[in-house]
PDB file of N, CA and C in Angstrom:
ATOM      1  N   UNK A   1       0.796  -1.199   0.000  1.00  0.00           N
ATOM      2  CA  UNK A   1       0.000   0.000   0.000  1.00  0.00           C
ATOM      3  C   UNK A   1       0.846   1.274   0.000  1.00  0.00           C
ATOM      4  N   UNK A   2       2.143   1.137   0.135  1.00  0.00           N
ATOM      5  CA  UNK A   2       3.015   2.297   0.170  1.00  0.00           C
ATOM      6  C   UNK A   2       2.809   3.131  -1.097  1.00  0.00           C
ATOM      7  N   UNK A   3       2.747   4.442  -0.931  1.00  0.00           N
ATOM      8  CA  UNK A   3       2.530   5.426  -1.994  1.00  0.00           C
ATOM      9  C   UNK A   3       1.115   5.417  -2.566  1.00  0.00           C
ATOM     10  N   UNK A   4       0.215   4.637  -1.987  1.00  0.00           N
ATOM     11  CA  UNK A   4      -1.187   4.689  -2.397  1.00  0.00           C
ATOM     12  C   UNK A   4      -1.905   5.754  -1.583  1.00  0.00           C
ATOM     13  N   UNK A   5      -3.058   6.159  -2.064  1.00  0.00           N
ATOM     14  CA  UNK A   5      -3.856   7.159  -1.364  1.00  0.00           C
ATOM     15  C   UNK A   5      -5.181   6.548  -0.959  1.00  0.00           C
ATOM     16  N   UNK A   6      -5.545   6.744   0.300  1.00  0.00           N
ATOM     17  CA  UNK A   6      -6.841   6.341   0.827  1.00  0.00           C
ATOM     18  C   UNK A   6      -7.536   7.633   1.237  1.00  0.00           C
ATOM     19  N   UNK A   7      -8.611   7.951   0.536  1.00  0.00           N
ATOM     20  CA  UNK A   7      -9.304   9.235   0.740  1.00  0.00           C
ATOM     21  C   UNK A   7      -8.268  10.345   0.568  1.00  0.00           C
ATOM     22  N   UNK A   8      -8.011  11.137   1.604  1.00  0.00           N
ATOM     23  CA  UNK A   8      -7.023  12.219   1.504  1.00  0.00           C
ATOM     24  C   UNK A   8      -5.753  11.907   2.300  1.00  0.00           C
ATOM     25  N   UNK A   9      -5.497  10.608   2.515  1.00  0.00           N
ATOM     26  CA  UNK A   9      -4.294  10.176   3.230  1.00  0.00           C
ATOM     27  C   UNK A   9      -3.357   9.470   2.265  1.00  0.00           C
ATOM     28  N   UNK A  10      -2.106   9.919   2.196  1.00  0.00           N
ATOM     29  CA  UNK A  10      -1.108   9.278   1.344  1.00  0.00           C
ATOM     30  C   UNK A  10      -0.241   8.373   2.212  1.00  0.00           C
ATOM     31  N   UNK A  11      -0.274   7.078   1.947  1.00  0.00           N
ATOM     32  CA  UNK A  11       0.456   6.086   2.733  1.00  0.00           C
ATOM     33  C   UNK A  11       1.947   6.211   2.446  1.00  0.00           C
ATOM     34  N   UNK A  12       2.752   6.304   3.504  1.00  0.00           N
ATOM     35  CA  UNK A  12       4.194   6.464   3.330  1.00  0.00           C
ATOM     36  C   UNK A  12       5.009   5.289   3.863  1.00  0.00           C
ATOM     37  N   UNK A  13       4.461   4.504   4.805  1.00  0.00           N
ATOM     38  CA  UNK A  13       5.206   3.374   5.363  1.00  0.00           C
ATOM     39  C   UNK A  13       4.266   2.427   6.092  1.00  0.00           C
ATOM     40  N   UNK A  14       4.706   1.181   6.209  1.00  0.00           N
ATOM     41  CA  UNK A  14       3.975   0.219   7.019  1.00  0.00           C
ATOM     42  C   UNK A  14       4.535   0.272   8.433  1.00  0.00           C
ATOM     43  N   UNK A  15       3.650   0.372   9.415  1.00  0.00           N
ATOM     44  CA  UNK A  15       4.094   0.414  10.809  1.00  0.00           C
ATOM     45  C   UNK A  15       3.957  -0.935  11.499  1.00  0.00           C
ATOM     46  N   UNK A  16       2.957  -1.715  11.119  1.00  0.00           N
ATOM     47  CA  UNK A  16       2.792  -3.016  11.753  1.00  0.00           C
ATOM     48  C   UNK A  16       1.541  -3.732  11.293  1.00  0.00           C
ATOM     49  N   UNK A  17       1.529  -5.033  11.558  1.00  0.00           N
ATOM     50  CA  UNK A  17       0.391  -5.885  11.245  1.00  0.00           C
ATOM     51  C   UNK A  17       0.019  -6.615  12.522  1.00  0.00           C
ATOM     52  N   UNK A  18      -1.273  -6.746  12.768  1.00  0.00           N
ATOM     53  CA  UNK A  18      -1.699  -7.428  13.980  1.00  0.00           C
ATOM     54  C   UNK A  18      -3.037  -8.085  13.811  1.00  0.00           C
ATOM     55  N   UNK A  19      -3.566  -8.562  14.924  1.00  0.00           N
ATOM     56  CA  UNK A  19      -4.820  -9.289  14.916  1.00  0.00           C
ATOM     57  C   UNK A  19      -6.010  -8.459  14.496  1.00  0.00           C
ATOM     58  N   UNK A  20      -5.969  -7.144  14.712  1.00  0.00           N
ATOM     59  CA  UNK A  20      -7.124  -6.313  14.388  1.00  0.00           C
ATOM     60  C   UNK A  20      -6.869  -5.351  13.245  1.00  0.00           C
ATOM     61  N   UNK A  21      -5.756  -5.486  12.553  1.00  0.00           N
ATOM     62  CA  UNK A  21      -5.595  -4.612  11.411  1.00  0.00           C
ATOM     63  C   UNK A  21      -4.167  -4.407  10.964  1.00  0.00           C
ATOM     64  N   UNK A  22      -4.069  -3.670   9.889  1.00  0.00           N
ATOM     65  CA  UNK A  22      -2.789  -3.271   9.313  1.00  0.00           C
ATOM     66  C   UNK A  22      -2.640  -1.785   9.608  1.00  0.00           C
ATOM     67  N   UNK A  23      -1.489  -1.391  10.115  1.00  0.00           N
ATOM     68  CA  UNK A  23      -1.283   0.009  10.497  1.00  0.00           C
ATOM     69  C   UNK A  23      -0.206   0.619   9.608  1.00  0.00           C
ATOM     70  N   UNK A  24      -0.532   1.790   9.068  1.00  0.00           N
ATOM     71  CA  UNK A  24       0.363   2.482   8.155  1.00  0.00           C
ATOM     72  C   UNK A  24       0.599   3.915   8.615  1.00  0.00           C
ATOM     73  N   UNK A  25       1.780   4.420   8.304  1.00  0.00           N
ATOM     74  CA  UNK A  25       2.054   5.845   8.483  1.00  0.00           C
ATOM     75  C   UNK A  25       1.574   6.531   7.216  1.00  0.00           C
ATOM     76  N   UNK A  26       0.949   7.692   7.377  1.00  0.00           N
ATOM     77  CA  UNK A  26       0.420   8.406   6.226  1.00  0.00           C
ATOM     78  C   UNK A  26       0.512   9.905   6.458  1.00  0.00           C
ATOM     79  N   UNK A  27       0.310  10.633   5.394  1.00  0.00           N
ATOM     80  CA  UNK A  27       0.246  12.090   5.473  1.00  0.00           C
ATOM     81  C   UNK A  27      -1.188  12.495   5.180  1.00  0.00           C
ATOM     82  N   UNK A  28      -1.766  13.256   6.088  1.00  0.00           N
ATOM     83  CA  UNK A  28      -3.093  13.833   5.864  1.00  0.00           C
ATOM     84  C   UNK A  28      -2.868  15.018   4.929  1.00  0.00           C
ATOM     85  N   UNK A  29      -3.278  14.879   3.680  1.00  0.00           N
ATOM     86  CA  UNK A  29      -2.991  15.917   2.690  1.00  0.00           C
ATOM     87  C   UNK A  29      -3.845  17.162   2.882  1.00  0.00           C
ATOM     88  N   UNK A  30      -4.929  17.074   3.641  1.00  0.00           N
ATOM     89  CA  UNK A  30      -5.741  18.256   3.933  1.00  0.00           C
ATOM     90  C   UNK A  30      -5.137  19.080   5.059  1.00  0.00           C
ATOM     91  N   UNK A  31      -4.642  18.404   6.102  1.00  0.00           N
ATOM     92  CA  UNK A  31      -4.090  19.097   7.265  1.00  0.00           C
ATOM     93  C   UNK A  31      -2.572  19.172   7.250  1.00  0.00           C
ATOM     94  N   UNK A  32      -1.939  18.482   6.286  1.00  0.00           N
ATOM     95  CA  UNK A  32      -0.484  18.457   6.143  1.00  0.00           C
ATOM     96  C   UNK A  32       0.202  18.013   7.440  1.00  0.00           C
ATOM     97  N   UNK A  33      -0.219  16.830   7.929  1.00  0.00           N
ATOM     98  CA  UNK A  33       0.404  16.286   9.135  1.00  0.00           C
ATOM     99  C   UNK A  33       0.494  14.767   9.028  1.00  0.00           C
ATOM    100  N   UNK A  34       1.400  14.180   9.811  1.00  0.00           N
ATOM    101  CA  UNK A  34       1.557  12.733   9.849  1.00  0.00           C
ATOM    102  C   UNK A  34       0.441  12.115  10.678  1.00  0.00           C
ATOM    103  N   UNK A  35      -0.060  10.987  10.216  1.00  0.00           N
ATOM    104  CA  UNK A  35      -1.093  10.248  10.924  1.00  0.00           C
ATOM    105  C   UNK A  35      -0.803   8.758  10.808  1.00  0.00           C
ATOM    106  N   UNK A  36      -1.445   7.972  11.649  1.00  0.00           N
ATOM    107  CA  UNK A  36      -1.418   6.522  11.527  1.00  0.00           C
ATOM    108  C   UNK A  36      -2.793   6.095  11.030  1.00  0.00           C
ATOM    109  N   UNK A  37      -2.810   5.175  10.087  1.00  0.00           N
ATOM    110  CA  UNK A  37      -4.047   4.663   9.514  1.00  0.00           C
ATOM    111  C   UNK A  37      -4.125   3.177   9.845  1.00  0.00           C
ATOM    112  N   UNK A  38      -5.223   2.762  10.448  1.00  0.00           N
ATOM    113  CA  UNK A  38      -5.417   1.324  10.681  1.00  0.00           C
ATOM    114  C   UNK A  38      -6.509   0.850   9.743  1.00  0.00           C
ATOM    115  N   UNK A  39      -6.194  -0.181   8.975  1.00  0.00           N
ATOM    116  CA  UNK A  39      -7.116  -0.740   7.989  1.00  0.00           C
ATOM    117  C   UNK A  39      -7.502  -2.141   8.438  1.00  0.00           C
ATOM    118  N   UNK A  40      -8.794  -2.407   8.460  1.00  0.00           N
ATOM    119  CA  UNK A  40      -9.276  -3.735   8.801  1.00  0.00           C
ATOM    120  C   UNK A  40      -8.986  -4.670   7.630  1.00  0.00           C
ATOM    121  N   UNK A  41      -8.336  -5.814   7.872  1.00  0.00           N
ATOM    122  CA  UNK A  41      -8.011  -6.745   6.784  1.00  0.00           C
ATOM    123  C   UNK A  41      -9.262  -7.252   6.069  1.00  0.00           C
ATOM    124  N   UNK A  42      -9.110  -7.567   4.795  1.00  0.00           N
ATOM    125  CA  UNK A  42     -10.228  -8.044   3.977  1.00  0.00           C
ATOM    126  C   UNK A  42     -10.926  -9.257   4.585  1.00  0.00           C
ATOM    127  N   UNK A  43     -10.162 -10.149   5.202  1.00  0.00           N
ATOM    128  CA  UNK A  43     -10.762 -11.373   5.750  1.00  0.00           C
ATOM    129  C   UNK A  43     -11.705 -11.096   6.927  1.00  0.00           C
ATOM    130  N   UNK A  44     -11.647  -9.886   7.491  1.00  0.00           N
ATOM    131  CA  UNK A  44     -12.525  -9.521   8.603  1.00  0.00           C
ATOM    132  C   UNK A  44     -13.712  -8.662   8.148  1.00  0.00           C
ATOM    133  N   UNK A  45     -13.745  -8.293   6.898  1.00  0.00           N
ATOM    134  CA  UNK A  45     -14.751  -7.354   6.395  1.00  0.00           C
ATOM    135  C   UNK A  45     -16.182  -7.857   6.568  1.00  0.00           C
ATOM    136  N   UNK A  46     -16.382  -9.160   6.560  1.00  0.00           N
ATOM    137  CA  UNK A  46     -17.726  -9.719   6.697  1.00  0.00           C
ATOM    138  C   UNK A  46     -17.975 -10.318   8.076  1.00  0.00           C
ATOM    139  N   UNK A  47     -17.064 -10.105   9.012  1.00  0.00           N
ATOM    140  CA  UNK A  47     -17.190 -10.648  10.364  1.00  0.00           C
ATOM    141  C   UNK A  47     -17.831  -9.586  11.261  1.00  0.00           C
ATOM    142  N   UNK A  48     -19.104  -9.759  11.558  1.00  0.00           N
ATOM    143  CA  UNK A  48     -19.857  -8.756  12.323  1.00  0.00           C
ATOM    144  C   UNK A  48     -19.225  -8.469  13.689  1.00  0.00           C
ATOM    145  N   UNK A  49     -18.690  -9.497  14.356  1.00  0.00           N
ATOM    146  CA  UNK A  49     -18.080  -9.295  15.676  1.00  0.00           C
ATOM    147  C   UNK A  49     -16.823  -8.438  15.575  1.00  0.00           C
ATOM    148  N   UNK A  50     -16.006  -8.712  14.590  1.00  0.00           N
ATOM    149  CA  UNK A  50     -14.776  -7.917  14.426  1.00  0.00           C
ATOM    150  C   UNK A  50     -15.088  -6.487  14.004  1.00  0.00           C
ATOM    151  N   UNK A  51     -16.078  -6.317  13.142  1.00  0.00           N
ATOM    152  CA  UNK A  51     -16.479  -4.969  12.745  1.00  0.00           C
ATOM    153  C   UNK A  51     -16.987  -4.182  13.953  1.00  0.00           C
ATOM    154  N   UNK A  52     -17.767  -4.829  14.800  1.00  0.00           N
ATOM    155  CA  UNK A  52     -18.286  -4.168  16.001  1.00  0.00           C
ATOM    156  C   UNK A  52     -17.147  -3.797  16.947  1.00  0.00           C
ATOM    157  N   UNK A  53     -16.179  -4.693  17.104  1.00  0.00           N
ATOM    158  CA  UNK A  53     -15.027  -4.406  17.970  1.00  0.00           C
ATOM    159  C   UNK A  53     -14.215  -3.241  17.417  1.00  0.00           C
ATOM    160  N   UNK A  54     -13.996  -3.238  16.117  1.00  0.00           N
ATOM    161  CA  UNK A  54     -13.241  -2.170  15.453  1.00  0.00           C
ATOM    162  C   UNK A  54     -13.909  -0.816  15.724  1.00  0.00           C
ATOM    163  N   UNK A  55     -15.242  -0.785  15.596  1.00  0.00           N
ATOM    164  CA  UNK A  55     -15.977   0.450  15.833  1.00  0.00           C
ATOM    165  C   UNK A  55     -15.967   0.844  17.314  1.00  0.00           C
ATOM    166  N   UNK A  56     -16.098  -0.139  18.220  1.00  0.00           N
ATOM    167  CA  UNK A  56     -16.046   0.156  19.659  1.00  0.00           C
ATOM    168  C   UNK A  56     -14.702   0.758  20.051  1.00  0.00           C
ATOM    169  N   UNK A  57     -13.618   0.187  19.515  1.00  0.00           N
ATOM    170  CA  UNK A  57     -12.286   0.708  19.815  1.00  0.00           C
ATOM    171  C   UNK A  57     -12.142   2.146  19.322  1.00  0.00           C
ATOM    172  N   UNK A  58     -12.646   2.425  18.142  1.00  0.00           N
ATOM    173  CA  UNK A  58     -12.568   3.785  17.591  1.00  0.00           C
ATOM    174  C   UNK A  58     -13.347   4.754  18.471  1.00  0.00           C
ATOM    175  N   UNK A  59     -14.534   4.373  18.894  1.00  0.00           N
ATOM    176  CA  UNK A  59     -15.350   5.247  19.735  1.00  0.00           C
ATOM    177  C   UNK A  59     -14.705   5.471  21.098  1.00  0.00           C
ATOM    178  N   UNK A  60     -14.095   4.430  21.661  1.00  0.00           N
ATOM    179  CA  UNK A  60     -13.424   4.573  22.956  1.00  0.00           C
ATOM    180  C   UNK A  60     -12.229   5.513  22.837  1.00  0.00           C
ATOM    181  N   UNK A  61     -11.435   5.348  21.791  1.00  0.00           N
ATOM    182  CA  UNK A  61     -10.277   6.213  21.581  1.00  0.00           C
ATOM    183  C   UNK A  61     -10.694   7.661  21.363  1.00  0.00           C
ATOM    184  N   UNK A  62     -11.791   7.870  20.676  1.00  0.00           N
ATOM    185  CA  UNK A  62     -12.266   9.230  20.404  1.00  0.00           C
ATOM    186  C   UNK A  62     -12.633   9.982  21.677  1.00  0.00           C
ATOM    187  N   UNK A  63     -12.960   9.259  22.737  1.00  0.00           N
ATOM    188  CA  UNK A  63     -13.351   9.885  24.002  1.00  0.00           C
ATOM    189  C   UNK A  63     -12.164  10.249  24.881  1.00  0.00           C
ATOM    190  N   UNK A  64     -10.978   9.745  24.542  1.00  0.00           N
ATOM    191  CA  UNK A  64      -9.794   9.979  25.370  1.00  0.00           C
ATOM    192  C   UNK A  64      -9.064  11.244  24.940  1.00  0.00           C
ATOM    193  N   UNK A  65      -8.487  11.920  25.910  1.00  0.00           N
ATOM    194  CA  UNK A  65      -7.703  13.114  25.634  1.00  0.00           C
ATOM    195  C   UNK A  65      -6.521  13.134  26.594  1.00  0.00           C
ATOM    196  N   UNK A  66      -5.359  12.691  26.111  1.00  0.00           N
ATOM    197  CA  UNK A  66      -4.161  12.621  26.939  1.00  0.00           C
ATOM    198  C   UNK A  66      -2.940  12.742  26.030  1.00  0.00           C
ATOM    199  N   UNK A  67      -1.903  13.376  26.521  1.00  0.00           N
ATOM    200  CA  UNK A  67      -0.701  13.607  25.718  1.00  0.00           C
ATOM    201  C   UNK A  67      -0.034  12.311  25.250  1.00  0.00           C
ATOM    202  N   UNK A  68      -0.209  11.224  25.989  1.00  0.00           N
ATOM    203  CA  UNK A  68       0.447   9.960  25.645  1.00  0.00           C
ATOM    204  C   UNK A  68      -0.466   8.984  24.899  1.00  0.00           C
ATOM    205  N   UNK A  69      -1.626   9.450  24.477  1.00  0.00           N
ATOM    206  CA  UNK A  69      -2.566   8.613  23.741  1.00  0.00           C
ATOM    207  C   UNK A  69      -2.904   9.326  22.435  1.00  0.00           C
ATOM    208  N   UNK A  70      -2.902   8.572  21.366  1.00  0.00           N
ATOM    209  CA  UNK A  70      -3.197   9.148  20.058  1.00  0.00           C
ATOM    210  C   UNK A  70      -4.594   9.727  19.984  1.00  0.00           C
ATOM    211  N   UNK A  71      -4.765  10.654  19.087  1.00  0.00           N
ATOM    212  CA  UNK A  71      -6.066  11.287  18.850  1.00  0.00           C
ATOM    213  C   UNK A  71      -6.717  10.650  17.633  1.00  0.00           C
ATOM    214  N   UNK A  72      -7.967  10.321  17.742  1.00  0.00           N
ATOM    215  CA  UNK A  72      -8.703   9.761  16.619  1.00  0.00           C
ATOM    216  C   UNK A  72      -9.235  10.902  15.767  1.00  0.00           C
ATOM    217  N   UNK A  73      -8.882  10.901  14.480  1.00  0.00           N
ATOM    218  CA  UNK A  73      -9.329  11.956  13.572  1.00  0.00           C
ATOM    219  C   UNK A  73     -10.514  11.538  12.725  1.00  0.00           C
ATOM    220  N   UNK A  74     -10.777  10.238  12.661  1.00  0.00           N
ATOM    221  CA  UNK A  74     -11.901   9.800  11.855  1.00  0.00           C
ATOM    222  C   UNK A  74     -12.063   8.299  11.860  1.00  0.00           C
ATOM    223  N   UNK A  75     -13.251   7.878  11.519  1.00  0.00           N
ATOM    224  CA  UNK A  75     -13.594   6.466  11.384  1.00  0.00           C
ATOM    225  C   UNK A  75     -14.357   6.379  10.075  1.00  0.00           C
ATOM    226  N   UNK A  76     -13.695   5.871   9.058  1.00  0.00           N
ATOM    227  CA  UNK A  76     -14.242   6.000   7.720  1.00  0.00           C
ATOM    228  C   UNK A  76     -14.219   4.682   6.962  1.00  0.00           C
ATOM    229  N   UNK A  77     -14.991   4.675   5.880  1.00  0.00           N
ATOM    230  CA  UNK A  77     -14.943   3.569   4.932  1.00  0.00           C
ATOM    231  C   UNK A  77     -14.567   4.166   3.588  1.00  0.00           C
ATOM    232  N   UNK A  78     -13.610   3.520   2.902  1.00  0.00           N
ATOM    233  CA  UNK A  78     -13.157   4.006   1.607  1.00  0.00           C
ATOM    234  C   UNK A  78     -13.061   2.815   0.666  1.00  0.00           C
ATOM    235  N   UNK A  79     -13.836   2.836  -0.387  1.00  0.00           N
ATOM    236  CA  UNK A  79     -13.863   1.773  -1.393  1.00  0.00           C
ATOM    237  C   UNK A  79     -14.053   0.400  -0.758  1.00  0.00           C
ATOM    238  N   UNK A  80     -14.991   0.342   0.196  1.00  0.00           N
ATOM    239  CA  UNK A  80     -15.333  -0.918   0.832  1.00  0.00           C
ATOM    240  C   UNK A  80     -14.422  -1.347   1.962  1.00  0.00           C
ATOM    241  N   UNK A  81     -13.397  -0.566   2.264  1.00  0.00           N
ATOM    242  CA  UNK A  81     -12.473  -0.902   3.359  1.00  0.00           C
ATOM    243  C   UNK A  81     -12.710   0.056   4.522  1.00  0.00           C
ATOM    244  N   UNK A  82     -12.617  -0.474   5.722  1.00  0.00           N
ATOM    245  CA  UNK A  82     -12.739   0.348   6.919  1.00  0.00           C
ATOM    246  C   UNK A  82     -11.356   0.635   7.467  1.00  0.00           C
TER     247      UNK A  82
END
């Protein structure tokens, strides 16, 4: 996915792969800042439990405000991927 664009995010590097997604470093081309993008793997796209967990985690993170915890900027779907 390196050098691909998802919505207005340009992927610049892979940060890691795990049980709940693929994480990439990207540039938010609208705000001109570095962000991390987590993409739910294709094999989980039809798993209702994993989709619900993915959304719960996003909502929980959005409620937190601390210098040592990342800020959630969005929870989106782009071309069928979350």
